[in-house]
N, C-alpha and C. Protein backbone atom coordinates (compact mmCIF):
# COMPACT_ATOMS: atom_id res chain seq x y z
N SER A 1 108.56 96.43 105.22
CA SER A 1 108.50 95.46 106.44
C SER A 1 108.37 93.76 106.21
N ASP A 2 108.93 92.63 107.26
CA ASP A 2 108.14 91.46 107.30
C ASP A 2 107.30 91.08 108.61
N PHE A 3 106.24 91.03 107.63
CA PHE A 3 105.11 90.76 109.01
C PHE A 3 105.01 89.06 109.67
N HIS A 4 105.90 88.62 108.53
CA HIS A 4 106.41 86.69 108.05
C HIS A 4 107.45 86.46 109.71
N ALA A 5 108.06 87.13 109.56
CA ALA A 5 109.59 87.09 110.40
C ALA A 5 108.56 87.92 111.79
N ALA A 6 108.06 88.47 111.87
CA ALA A 6 108.25 89.51 112.81
C ALA A 6 106.92 88.52 113.32
N ALA A 7 105.81 87.73 113.27
CA ALA A 7 105.14 87.07 113.71
C ALA A 7 105.31 85.47 113.96
N ASN A 8 107.19 84.87 113.68
CA ASN A 8 108.16 84.58 114.01
C ASN A 8 108.24 85.10 115.95
N LEU A 9 109.07 86.16 115.22
CA LEU A 9 109.67 86.58 116.82
C LEU A 9 108.71 87.07 117.78
N PHE A 10 107.99 87.33 117.27
CA PHE A 10 106.53 87.99 118.87
C PHE A 10 105.74 85.80 119.25
N GLY A 11 105.50 85.62 118.38
CA GLY A 11 105.19 83.60 118.33
C GLY A 11 106.15 83.48 119.64
N ARG A 12 107.44 83.16 119.28
CA ARG A 12 108.81 83.05 120.60
C ARG A 12 108.21 83.52 121.61
N ALA A 13 108.78 84.38 121.64
CA ALA A 13 109.02 85.62 123.15
C ALA A 13 107.43 84.82 123.51
N VAL A 14 105.97 84.79 122.82
CA VAL A 14 105.01 84.55 124.06
C VAL A 14 105.15 82.25 124.63
N ASP A 15 105.74 81.90 123.76
CA ASP A 15 105.89 80.96 123.77
C ASP A 15 106.91 80.36 124.67
N LEU A 16 107.45 81.30 124.80
CA LEU A 16 108.31 81.43 125.71
C LEU A 16 108.24 81.51 127.01
N LEU A 17 107.68 81.95 127.29
CA LEU A 17 106.62 82.87 128.87
C LEU A 17 105.71 82.22 128.99
N SER A 18 105.50 81.77 130.39
CA SER A 18 104.26 81.33 131.18
C SER A 18 103.31 81.28 131.10
N SER A 19 101.13 80.49 131.32
CA SER A 19 100.79 80.83 130.91
C SER A 19 99.70 81.87 132.00
N ASP A 20 100.23 82.92 133.04
CA ASP A 20 100.57 83.20 133.84
C ASP A 20 100.74 84.02 134.16
N ASP A 21 102.30 84.76 133.46
CA ASP A 21 102.55 85.95 132.81
C ASP A 21 102.17 86.94 132.25
N PRO A 22 102.19 88.11 133.03
CA PRO A 22 101.82 89.39 132.35
C PRO A 22 102.62 89.49 130.54
N LEU A 23 104.01 89.91 131.47
CA LEU A 23 104.19 89.90 129.74
C LEU A 23 103.58 88.47 128.27
N ARG A 24 103.08 88.09 128.51
CA ARG A 24 102.27 87.54 128.16
C ARG A 24 101.44 87.75 127.92
N GLU A 25 100.59 88.01 128.76
CA GLU A 25 99.15 88.66 128.51
C GLU A 25 99.74 90.33 127.67
N ALA A 26 100.45 90.91 127.80
CA ALA A 26 100.51 91.20 126.57
C ALA A 26 100.92 91.66 124.63
N LEU A 27 101.98 91.05 125.35
CA LEU A 27 102.30 90.27 123.90
C LEU A 27 101.49 89.26 122.97
N VAL A 28 100.97 88.72 123.61
CA VAL A 28 99.13 87.57 122.93
C VAL A 28 98.42 88.99 121.56
N PRO A 29 98.35 89.67 122.23
CA PRO A 29 97.36 90.98 121.09
C PRO A 29 98.32 92.00 120.29
N GLU A 30 99.42 91.69 120.65
CA GLU A 30 100.55 92.24 119.17
C GLU A 30 101.15 90.79 118.41
N LEU A 31 101.19 89.91 119.10
CA LEU A 31 101.22 88.93 117.86
C LEU A 31 99.81 88.65 117.01
N ALA A 32 98.93 88.74 117.81
CA ALA A 32 97.87 88.37 116.78
C ALA A 32 97.64 88.90 116.05
N TRP A 33 96.88 90.91 116.22
CA TRP A 33 97.88 91.89 114.82
C TRP A 33 99.26 92.02 114.15
N THR A 34 99.95 90.69 114.33
CA THR A 34 100.39 90.65 113.55
C THR A 34 100.33 89.91 112.49
N VAL A 35 99.59 88.36 113.20
CA VAL A 35 99.33 87.21 112.12
C VAL A 35 98.82 87.67 111.47
N ILE A 36 97.78 89.01 112.15
CA ILE A 36 96.26 89.53 111.22
C ILE A 36 97.09 89.17 109.28
N GLU A 37 98.16 90.04 109.80
CA GLU A 37 99.00 90.80 108.37
C GLU A 37 99.78 90.06 107.53
N THR A 38 99.54 88.67 108.11
CA THR A 38 100.47 87.84 107.34
C THR A 38 99.42 86.74 106.79
N GLY A 39 98.01 87.56 106.76
CA GLY A 39 97.17 86.83 106.17
C GLY A 39 96.40 84.85 107.15
N GLN A 40 97.15 85.14 108.21
CA GLN A 40 96.69 83.35 108.76
C GLN A 40 96.00 83.94 109.79
N LEU A 41 94.03 84.33 108.81
CA LEU A 41 93.31 84.07 110.52
C LEU A 41 92.89 83.94 111.19
N ASP A 42 92.66 82.56 111.42
CA ASP A 42 92.43 81.67 111.81
C ASP A 42 93.14 81.45 112.89
N ARG A 43 95.03 81.75 112.80
CA ARG A 43 95.45 81.31 114.05
C ARG A 43 95.37 82.74 114.76
N ALA A 44 94.85 83.89 113.63
CA ALA A 44 94.93 85.06 115.26
C ALA A 44 93.62 84.80 115.90
N LEU A 45 93.04 84.32 115.20
CA LEU A 45 91.35 84.19 116.22
C LEU A 45 91.54 83.26 117.48
N ASP A 46 92.96 82.19 116.54
CA ASP A 46 93.10 80.80 118.06
C ASP A 46 93.77 82.01 119.13
N LEU A 47 94.09 82.74 118.76
CA LEU A 47 95.48 83.53 119.66
C LEU A 47 95.09 83.72 120.98
N VAL A 48 93.55 84.73 120.09
CA VAL A 48 92.57 85.59 121.67
C VAL A 48 91.63 85.71 122.27
N VAL A 49 91.14 84.52 122.07
CA VAL A 49 89.52 83.30 121.72
C VAL A 49 89.46 83.37 123.79
N GLU A 50 90.92 83.54 124.67
CA GLU A 50 91.10 82.57 125.91
C GLU A 50 91.16 84.11 126.11
N GLN A 51 90.85 83.88 127.45
CA GLN A 51 89.85 85.25 128.14
C GLN A 51 90.31 85.62 129.30
N VAL A 52 91.02 86.63 130.13
CA VAL A 52 92.42 87.43 131.02
C VAL A 52 91.26 88.67 131.52
N GLU A 53 91.16 88.45 132.70
CA GLU A 53 90.49 89.41 133.64
C GLU A 53 91.03 91.10 132.90
N ASP A 54 92.29 91.25 133.16
CA ASP A 54 91.85 92.65 133.42
C ASP A 54 91.50 93.57 131.58
N LYS A 55 90.91 94.51 131.75
CA LYS A 55 89.61 95.50 131.27
C LYS A 55 90.73 95.35 129.72
N GLY A 56 92.39 96.81 129.94
CA GLY A 56 92.56 96.68 128.57
C GLY A 56 93.46 95.14 127.61
N PHE A 57 93.65 94.02 128.54
CA PHE A 57 94.04 93.55 127.94
C PHE A 57 92.71 92.67 127.54
N ALA A 58 91.31 92.30 127.55
CA ALA A 58 90.82 92.23 127.16
C ALA A 58 89.94 92.99 125.85
N ALA A 59 90.38 94.94 126.14
CA ALA A 59 90.01 95.61 124.79
C ALA A 59 90.51 94.74 124.36
N ARG A 60 92.14 95.14 123.61
CA ARG A 60 93.21 94.64 123.14
C ARG A 60 92.30 93.64 121.95
N ARG A 61 92.00 92.61 123.32
CA ARG A 61 91.52 91.84 122.39
C ARG A 61 90.50 91.58 122.24
N ALA A 62 89.36 92.56 122.11
CA ALA A 62 88.43 92.67 121.33
C ALA A 62 88.47 93.55 119.68
N VAL A 63 89.61 94.56 119.57
CA VAL A 63 89.84 95.17 119.11
C VAL A 63 90.10 94.11 117.82
N VAL A 64 90.87 93.13 118.08
CA VAL A 64 91.77 91.66 116.90
C VAL A 64 91.19 91.20 116.38
N LEU A 65 89.03 91.25 117.64
CA LEU A 65 88.39 90.15 116.85
C LEU A 65 87.03 91.04 115.99
N TRP A 66 87.43 92.45 116.65
CA TRP A 66 86.39 93.17 115.86
C TRP A 66 86.85 93.69 114.29
N GLN A 67 89.00 93.40 114.54
CA GLN A 67 88.93 92.96 113.14
C GLN A 67 89.13 92.06 112.10
N LEU A 68 89.41 90.82 112.53
CA LEU A 68 88.98 90.42 112.14
C LEU A 68 87.81 89.47 111.70
N ARG A 69 86.50 89.55 112.49
CA ARG A 69 85.24 89.72 111.99
C ARG A 69 85.14 90.68 110.91
N GLU A 70 85.29 91.71 110.77
CA GLU A 70 85.97 92.76 109.50
C GLU A 70 86.28 92.46 107.96
N LEU A 71 87.58 91.68 108.84
CA LEU A 71 88.20 90.98 107.16
C LEU A 71 87.48 89.99 106.82
N LYS A 72 86.66 89.46 107.45
CA LYS A 72 86.13 88.27 106.70
C LYS A 72 84.43 88.40 106.54
N SER A 73 83.68 90.21 106.65
CA SER A 73 82.99 90.43 106.14
C SER A 73 82.07 89.92 107.01
N GLU A 74 81.98 89.90 108.29
CA GLU A 74 80.72 89.08 108.89
C GLU A 74 80.61 90.68 110.23
N VAL A 75 80.66 91.37 109.81
CA VAL A 75 79.84 92.61 110.46
C VAL A 75 79.67 94.06 110.16
N THR A 76 79.33 94.60 109.96
CA THR A 76 78.71 96.04 108.99
C THR A 76 79.77 97.07 109.84
N CYS A 77 80.01 98.25 108.64
CA CYS A 77 81.58 99.20 109.02
C CYS A 77 80.21 99.63 110.62
N SER A 78 79.17 99.87 110.42
CA SER A 78 78.46 100.49 111.81
C SER A 78 78.68 100.42 112.41
N ASP A 79 78.64 98.83 112.74
CA ASP A 79 79.13 98.01 113.75
C ASP A 79 80.15 97.98 114.41
N VAL A 80 80.94 97.71 113.40
CA VAL A 80 82.50 97.92 114.20
C VAL A 80 83.06 99.15 114.62
N ILE A 81 82.24 100.29 114.17
CA ILE A 81 82.52 101.71 114.36
C ILE A 81 81.69 101.64 115.66
N ARG A 82 81.02 101.71 115.78
CA ARG A 82 79.80 101.14 117.21
C ARG A 82 81.24 100.42 118.37
N ALA A 83 81.78 99.47 118.32
CA ALA A 83 82.85 98.86 118.87
C ALA A 83 83.75 99.84 119.25
N ALA A 84 84.31 100.12 118.22
CA ALA A 84 85.81 100.05 118.63
C ALA A 84 85.61 102.36 119.20
N GLU A 85 84.63 102.49 119.36
CA GLU A 85 84.26 103.64 120.00
C GLU A 85 84.27 103.13 121.56
N ARG A 86 83.42 101.55 121.78
CA ARG A 86 82.99 102.21 123.11
C ARG A 86 84.60 101.21 123.54
N LEU A 87 85.56 100.09 122.69
CA LEU A 87 87.07 100.14 123.01
C LEU A 87 88.23 100.88 123.33
N LEU A 88 87.64 102.17 122.61
CA LEU A 88 88.82 103.27 122.80
C LEU A 88 88.48 104.40 123.79
N GLU A 89 87.12 104.23 124.73
CA GLU A 89 87.57 104.85 126.51
C GLU A 89 88.01 103.78 126.80
N VAL A 90 87.50 102.82 126.25
CA VAL A 90 88.32 101.47 127.60
C VAL A 90 89.68 101.62 127.63
N PHE A 91 91.03 101.87 126.58
CA PHE A 91 92.03 103.18 125.83
C PHE A 91 92.25 104.17 126.28
N GLU A 92 91.18 104.98 126.94
CA GLU A 92 91.16 106.15 126.89
C GLU A 92 91.71 106.33 128.24
N ARG A 93 91.58 105.82 129.36
CA ARG A 93 90.43 105.58 131.13
C ARG A 93 92.07 104.41 131.12
N THR A 94 92.48 103.39 130.57
CA THR A 94 93.36 102.65 130.68
C THR A 94 94.91 103.89 130.18
N GLY A 95 94.72 104.87 129.24
CA GLY A 95 96.22 105.32 129.16
C GLY A 95 96.72 104.55 127.45
N ASP A 96 96.07 104.16 127.07
CA ASP A 96 96.94 103.35 126.38
C ASP A 96 96.78 102.91 124.85
N GLU A 97 97.69 104.38 124.61
CA GLU A 97 98.14 104.93 122.89
C GLU A 97 97.76 104.79 121.84
N VAL A 98 98.57 103.47 121.98
CA VAL A 98 99.26 102.41 120.95
C VAL A 98 97.50 101.71 119.86
N TRP A 99 96.97 101.44 121.55
CA TRP A 99 95.78 100.30 121.39
C TRP A 99 94.57 101.71 120.75
N SER A 100 94.82 102.80 121.36
CA SER A 100 93.50 104.00 121.70
C SER A 100 93.46 104.42 119.92
N THR A 101 95.45 104.13 118.84
CA THR A 101 95.33 104.53 118.32
C THR A 101 94.70 103.81 116.89
N ARG A 102 95.09 102.43 116.73
CA ARG A 102 94.31 101.72 116.39
C ARG A 102 93.17 101.47 116.06
N ALA A 103 92.18 101.45 117.40
CA ALA A 103 90.11 101.49 118.15
C ALA A 103 90.02 102.71 116.92
N SER A 104 90.55 104.25 116.80
CA SER A 104 90.43 104.76 116.06
C SER A 104 90.67 104.77 114.54
N LEU A 105 92.44 104.16 114.21
CA LEU A 105 92.16 103.63 112.46
C LEU A 105 90.96 102.74 112.46
N MET A 106 90.18 102.13 113.24
CA MET A 106 89.36 101.62 113.38
C MET A 106 88.09 102.21 112.18
N ILE A 107 87.89 102.82 113.27
CA ILE A 107 86.67 104.12 113.24
C ILE A 107 86.84 104.49 111.71
N ALA A 108 88.19 105.68 111.95
CA ALA A 108 87.96 105.64 110.47
C ALA A 108 88.16 104.97 109.39
N ARG A 109 88.49 104.38 109.30
CA ARG A 109 88.52 103.47 107.58
C ARG A 109 86.98 103.09 108.24
N ASN A 110 86.42 102.32 108.61
CA ASN A 110 84.56 102.20 108.41
C ASN A 110 84.56 103.72 108.15
N ARG A 111 84.15 104.55 108.91
CA ARG A 111 83.43 105.39 108.09
C ARG A 111 84.04 106.26 106.91
N PHE A 112 85.03 105.82 106.79
CA PHE A 112 85.41 105.77 104.65
C PHE A 112 85.09 105.26 103.64
N ALA A 113 84.79 104.05 104.48
CA ALA A 113 83.83 102.77 104.08
C ALA A 113 82.52 103.33 103.43
N LEU A 114 82.30 104.38 104.51
CA LEU A 114 80.30 104.76 104.34
C LEU A 114 80.45 105.69 103.85
N GLY A 115 81.47 106.51 103.04
CA GLY A 115 81.49 107.06 102.21
C GLY A 115 81.38 108.34 103.13
N SER A 116 81.98 108.79 104.46
CA SER A 116 82.25 110.01 105.22
C SER A 116 83.82 110.43 105.27
N CYS A 117 83.67 111.16 104.20
CA CYS A 117 85.90 111.22 103.76
C CYS A 117 85.80 112.32 105.01
N ARG A 118 85.24 113.72 105.40
CA ARG A 118 85.28 114.45 105.91
C ARG A 118 85.32 114.47 107.22
N GLY A 119 84.93 113.24 108.03
CA GLY A 119 84.47 112.72 109.39
C GLY A 119 86.10 111.45 109.83
N THR A 120 86.43 111.10 108.82
CA THR A 120 87.92 110.05 108.04
C THR A 120 88.75 111.25 108.15
N LEU A 121 88.98 112.33 108.18
CA LEU A 121 89.59 113.54 107.97
C LEU A 121 89.96 114.30 109.25
N GLU A 122 88.52 114.31 109.67
CA GLU A 122 88.06 114.98 110.84
C GLU A 122 89.30 114.48 112.14
N LEU A 123 89.11 112.87 112.12
CA LEU A 123 89.03 111.82 113.26
C LEU A 123 90.28 112.04 113.42
N LEU A 124 91.37 111.26 111.62
CA LEU A 124 92.50 111.38 111.55
C LEU A 124 93.38 112.30 112.17
N ALA A 125 92.92 114.14 111.89
CA ALA A 125 93.97 115.08 112.40
C ALA A 125 93.78 115.48 114.17
N GLY A 126 92.87 114.30 114.81
CA GLY A 126 92.52 114.14 116.00
C GLY A 126 93.93 113.23 116.60
N ILE A 127 94.21 112.48 116.11
CA ILE A 127 94.99 111.32 116.04
C ILE A 127 96.55 111.36 115.63
N GLU A 128 96.66 112.22 114.69
CA GLU A 128 98.50 112.55 114.36
C GLU A 128 99.07 112.38 114.93
N ALA A 129 98.91 113.91 115.57
CA ALA A 129 100.27 114.28 116.41
C ALA A 129 100.23 112.44 118.02
N ARG A 130 99.48 112.24 118.13
CA ARG A 130 99.34 110.90 118.84
C ARG A 130 100.79 109.38 118.00
N VAL A 131 99.93 110.01 117.02
CA VAL A 131 100.12 108.94 116.67
C VAL A 131 102.13 109.09 116.02
N ARG A 132 102.39 110.28 116.17
CA ARG A 132 103.73 110.79 114.95
C ARG A 132 104.52 110.71 116.90
N ARG A 133 104.18 110.70 117.77
CA ARG A 133 104.86 111.44 119.31
C ARG A 133 104.92 109.85 119.43
N ILE A 134 104.28 108.52 119.55
CA ILE A 134 104.20 107.09 119.84
C ILE A 134 105.43 106.31 119.11
N GLY A 135 105.66 107.27 118.23
CA GLY A 135 105.87 106.20 116.83
C GLY A 135 105.59 105.01 116.44
N ALA A 136 104.22 104.29 116.34
CA ALA A 136 104.06 103.53 116.58
C ALA A 136 104.26 103.73 114.37
N VAL A 137 104.54 103.06 113.59
CA VAL A 137 105.26 103.41 112.67
C VAL A 137 104.10 103.31 111.56
N ARG A 138 103.67 101.51 112.08
CA ARG A 138 103.41 100.60 111.31
C ARG A 138 101.41 101.49 111.33
N GLU A 139 100.84 101.51 112.26
CA GLU A 139 99.52 103.24 112.15
C GLU A 139 99.88 103.97 111.95
N GLN A 140 101.32 104.52 111.93
CA GLN A 140 101.74 105.69 111.00
C GLN A 140 100.78 106.00 108.43
N SER A 141 101.92 105.15 109.72
CA SER A 141 101.15 104.28 107.06
C SER A 141 100.36 103.92 107.56
N GLU A 142 99.67 103.09 108.42
CA GLU A 142 98.02 103.24 108.29
C GLU A 142 97.41 104.43 107.95
N MET A 143 97.19 105.56 108.86
CA MET A 143 96.65 106.84 109.48
C MET A 143 97.03 107.75 108.08
N THR A 144 98.09 107.17 107.18
CA THR A 144 98.79 107.93 106.04
C THR A 144 97.85 107.82 105.03
N TYR A 145 97.27 106.05 104.57
CA TYR A 145 97.84 105.87 103.27
C TYR A 145 95.34 106.25 103.58
N TRP A 146 94.34 106.39 105.16
CA TRP A 146 93.44 107.05 104.61
C TRP A 146 93.86 108.32 104.59
N VAL A 147 94.62 109.15 105.51
CA VAL A 147 94.28 110.27 104.80
C VAL A 147 94.38 110.98 103.41
N MET A 148 94.72 110.57 103.24
CA MET A 148 94.98 110.45 101.59
C MET A 148 94.42 109.37 100.74
N SER A 149 93.57 108.88 100.94
CA SER A 149 92.31 108.57 100.07
C SER A 149 91.30 109.59 100.79
N ALA A 150 91.07 110.33 101.91
CA ALA A 150 89.83 110.93 101.81
C ALA A 150 89.86 112.21 101.07
N LEU A 151 91.33 112.78 101.38
CA LEU A 151 92.05 114.02 100.40
C LEU A 151 91.39 113.78 98.82
N PHE A 152 91.84 112.13 98.63
CA PHE A 152 91.27 111.97 97.40
C PHE A 152 90.39 111.91 96.89
N PHE A 153 89.34 111.01 97.25
CA PHE A 153 88.03 110.74 97.09
C PHE A 153 87.02 111.94 97.42
N GLY A 154 87.49 112.72 98.62
CA GLY A 154 86.19 113.21 99.69
C GLY A 154 85.83 114.70 99.10
N PRO A 155 85.39 115.93 99.81
CA PRO A 155 85.27 116.44 99.33
C PRO A 155 85.82 118.05 99.04
N THR A 156 87.24 117.30 99.57
CA THR A 156 88.09 118.76 99.62
C THR A 156 88.57 119.14 98.23
N PRO A 157 88.67 120.78 97.86
CA PRO A 157 89.20 120.74 96.45
C PRO A 157 90.79 120.18 96.45
N VAL A 158 90.54 120.20 95.00
CA VAL A 158 91.22 119.40 94.68
C VAL A 158 92.44 120.51 94.39
N PRO A 159 92.67 121.41 93.88
CA PRO A 159 94.42 122.42 94.70
C PRO A 159 94.15 121.72 96.06
N GLU A 160 93.45 122.27 96.88
CA GLU A 160 93.94 121.18 98.51
C GLU A 160 94.70 120.82 98.47
N ALA A 161 93.71 119.42 97.56
CA ALA A 161 94.53 117.99 98.02
C ALA A 161 95.44 117.88 97.31
N ILE A 162 95.20 118.24 95.97
CA ILE A 162 97.01 118.37 95.61
C ILE A 162 97.94 118.48 96.31
N ASP A 163 97.63 120.44 97.10
CA ASP A 163 98.67 120.75 97.92
C ASP A 163 98.91 119.50 99.02
N ARG A 164 98.01 119.20 99.88
CA ARG A 164 98.03 118.50 101.23
C ARG A 164 98.32 117.06 100.49
N ILE A 165 98.49 116.59 99.89
CA ILE A 165 98.93 115.50 99.40
C ILE A 165 100.73 115.15 99.32
N ASP A 166 100.85 116.70 98.44
CA ASP A 166 101.67 116.37 97.77
C ASP A 166 102.98 116.26 98.75
N ARG A 167 102.70 116.85 99.69
CA ARG A 167 103.26 116.75 101.59
C ARG A 167 103.56 116.64 101.56
N ILE A 168 102.16 115.44 102.35
CA ILE A 168 102.19 114.25 102.86
C ILE A 168 103.75 113.01 101.85
N ARG A 169 103.63 112.78 100.12
CA ARG A 169 104.86 112.71 99.66
C ARG A 169 105.65 112.71 100.11
N HIS A 170 106.58 114.44 100.46
CA HIS A 170 107.92 114.97 100.41
C HIS A 170 107.82 114.27 101.86
N ASP A 171 107.08 114.08 103.04
CA ASP A 171 107.36 113.94 104.26
C ASP A 171 107.59 112.74 104.57
N SER A 172 106.96 111.96 103.56
CA SER A 172 106.98 110.59 103.75
C SER A 172 108.85 109.40 103.03
N ASP A 173 109.40 108.91 104.46
CA ASP A 173 110.02 107.61 103.01
C ASP A 173 109.52 107.13 102.90
N GLN A 174 108.76 106.13 103.02
CA GLN A 174 107.76 105.00 102.58
C GLN A 174 107.32 104.80 101.13
N PRO A 175 107.77 103.86 100.27
CA PRO A 175 107.91 103.65 99.20
C PRO A 175 105.91 103.41 98.63
N SER A 176 105.70 103.24 99.58
CA SER A 176 104.18 103.13 99.00
C SER A 176 103.19 103.97 99.36
N VAL A 177 103.44 105.31 100.72
CA VAL A 177 103.10 106.57 100.70
C VAL A 177 103.62 107.42 99.14
N SER A 178 104.49 106.96 98.45
CA SER A 178 105.78 107.70 97.40
C SER A 178 104.54 107.08 96.45
N VAL A 179 103.77 106.14 95.74
CA VAL A 179 102.81 104.92 94.92
C VAL A 179 101.73 105.68 95.09
N LEU A 180 101.65 106.23 96.12
CA LEU A 180 100.29 105.60 95.95
C LEU A 180 99.38 107.23 95.88
N ALA A 181 100.31 108.43 96.60
CA ALA A 181 100.76 109.99 95.80
C ALA A 181 100.74 110.10 95.18
N ALA A 182 101.20 109.54 93.74
CA ALA A 182 102.12 109.87 92.53
C ALA A 182 100.13 109.23 91.70
N GLN A 183 100.38 108.50 91.68
CA GLN A 183 98.70 107.41 91.50
C GLN A 183 97.69 108.58 91.97
N GLN A 184 97.55 109.50 93.12
CA GLN A 184 96.29 110.45 92.83
C GLN A 184 96.76 111.49 92.46
N LEU A 185 97.34 112.17 92.52
CA LEU A 185 98.19 113.22 91.82
C LEU A 185 97.90 113.33 90.68
N SER A 186 98.49 112.12 89.90
CA SER A 186 98.51 112.69 88.56
C SER A 186 96.87 112.72 88.02
N ALA A 187 96.25 111.69 88.60
CA ALA A 187 94.23 111.44 88.62
C ALA A 187 93.83 113.13 89.11
N LEU A 188 94.13 113.98 89.58
CA LEU A 188 94.31 114.80 91.02
C LEU A 188 94.26 115.92 89.30
N HIS A 189 95.60 116.53 89.28
CA HIS A 189 96.26 117.64 88.00
C HIS A 189 95.36 117.05 86.94
N ALA A 190 94.29 115.69 86.45
CA ALA A 190 94.33 115.52 85.34
C ALA A 190 92.47 116.59 85.59
N MET A 191 92.00 116.10 86.91
CA MET A 191 90.56 116.90 87.79
C MET A 191 90.72 118.40 87.03
N GLU A 192 92.12 119.21 87.30
CA GLU A 192 92.40 120.46 86.94
C GLU A 192 92.21 120.59 85.27
N GLY A 193 92.77 119.70 84.43
CA GLY A 193 92.68 119.43 83.26
C GLY A 193 94.30 120.51 82.66
N ARG A 194 94.90 119.72 83.72
CA ARG A 194 97.11 119.77 83.84
C ARG A 194 97.51 118.28 83.46
N PHE A 195 96.69 118.16 82.36
CA PHE A 195 97.27 116.75 81.44
C PHE A 195 99.15 116.44 81.80
N ASP A 196 99.51 117.90 81.23
CA ASP A 196 101.26 117.60 81.44
C ASP A 196 101.84 116.92 82.39
N LEU A 197 101.54 117.13 83.89
CA LEU A 197 101.23 116.92 85.01
C LEU A 197 100.56 114.92 85.40
N SER A 198 99.57 114.74 85.13
CA SER A 198 99.68 113.64 84.83
C SER A 198 99.94 112.31 84.35
């Protein structure tokens, strides 16, 4: 996917709306999220610093700000987890499934970074159905990455990890999933002594 084109499209949409338009408030966090993917962290920060009264929109912006702080290594993984858990409560109260998923993914990747592969897998198993139901492609891709990484590096027995990663690879149409699966399966087969498959 072309994040630069998406950022340009979101930016144009935001620019067309007046500052008090509720749709603008809904689009700004989406724009900031997309701008982060292009590597323009300062631009993303500029987008989210203005305050809004609506708690849902404020929570969306807080997720973006925490992700920026995370990317800039300004906070610890534990800090990010605590903040994302508080924000997750807001999204669950407001029924915001996309941003609830994003907050959950922040928790998952930071649990993984702290070495809790089991905790990562448990959290992701809990949101998998929702991610598929809402059709969040970017979030689905990130979730798949963290599931596969936790299976590979975590306490999952090698045969089970092979089976699950192989199923993920067959169920996905994303080239990045196929590449990661091939790398991980090769190493997992080698761990079993099946060098012909690695």
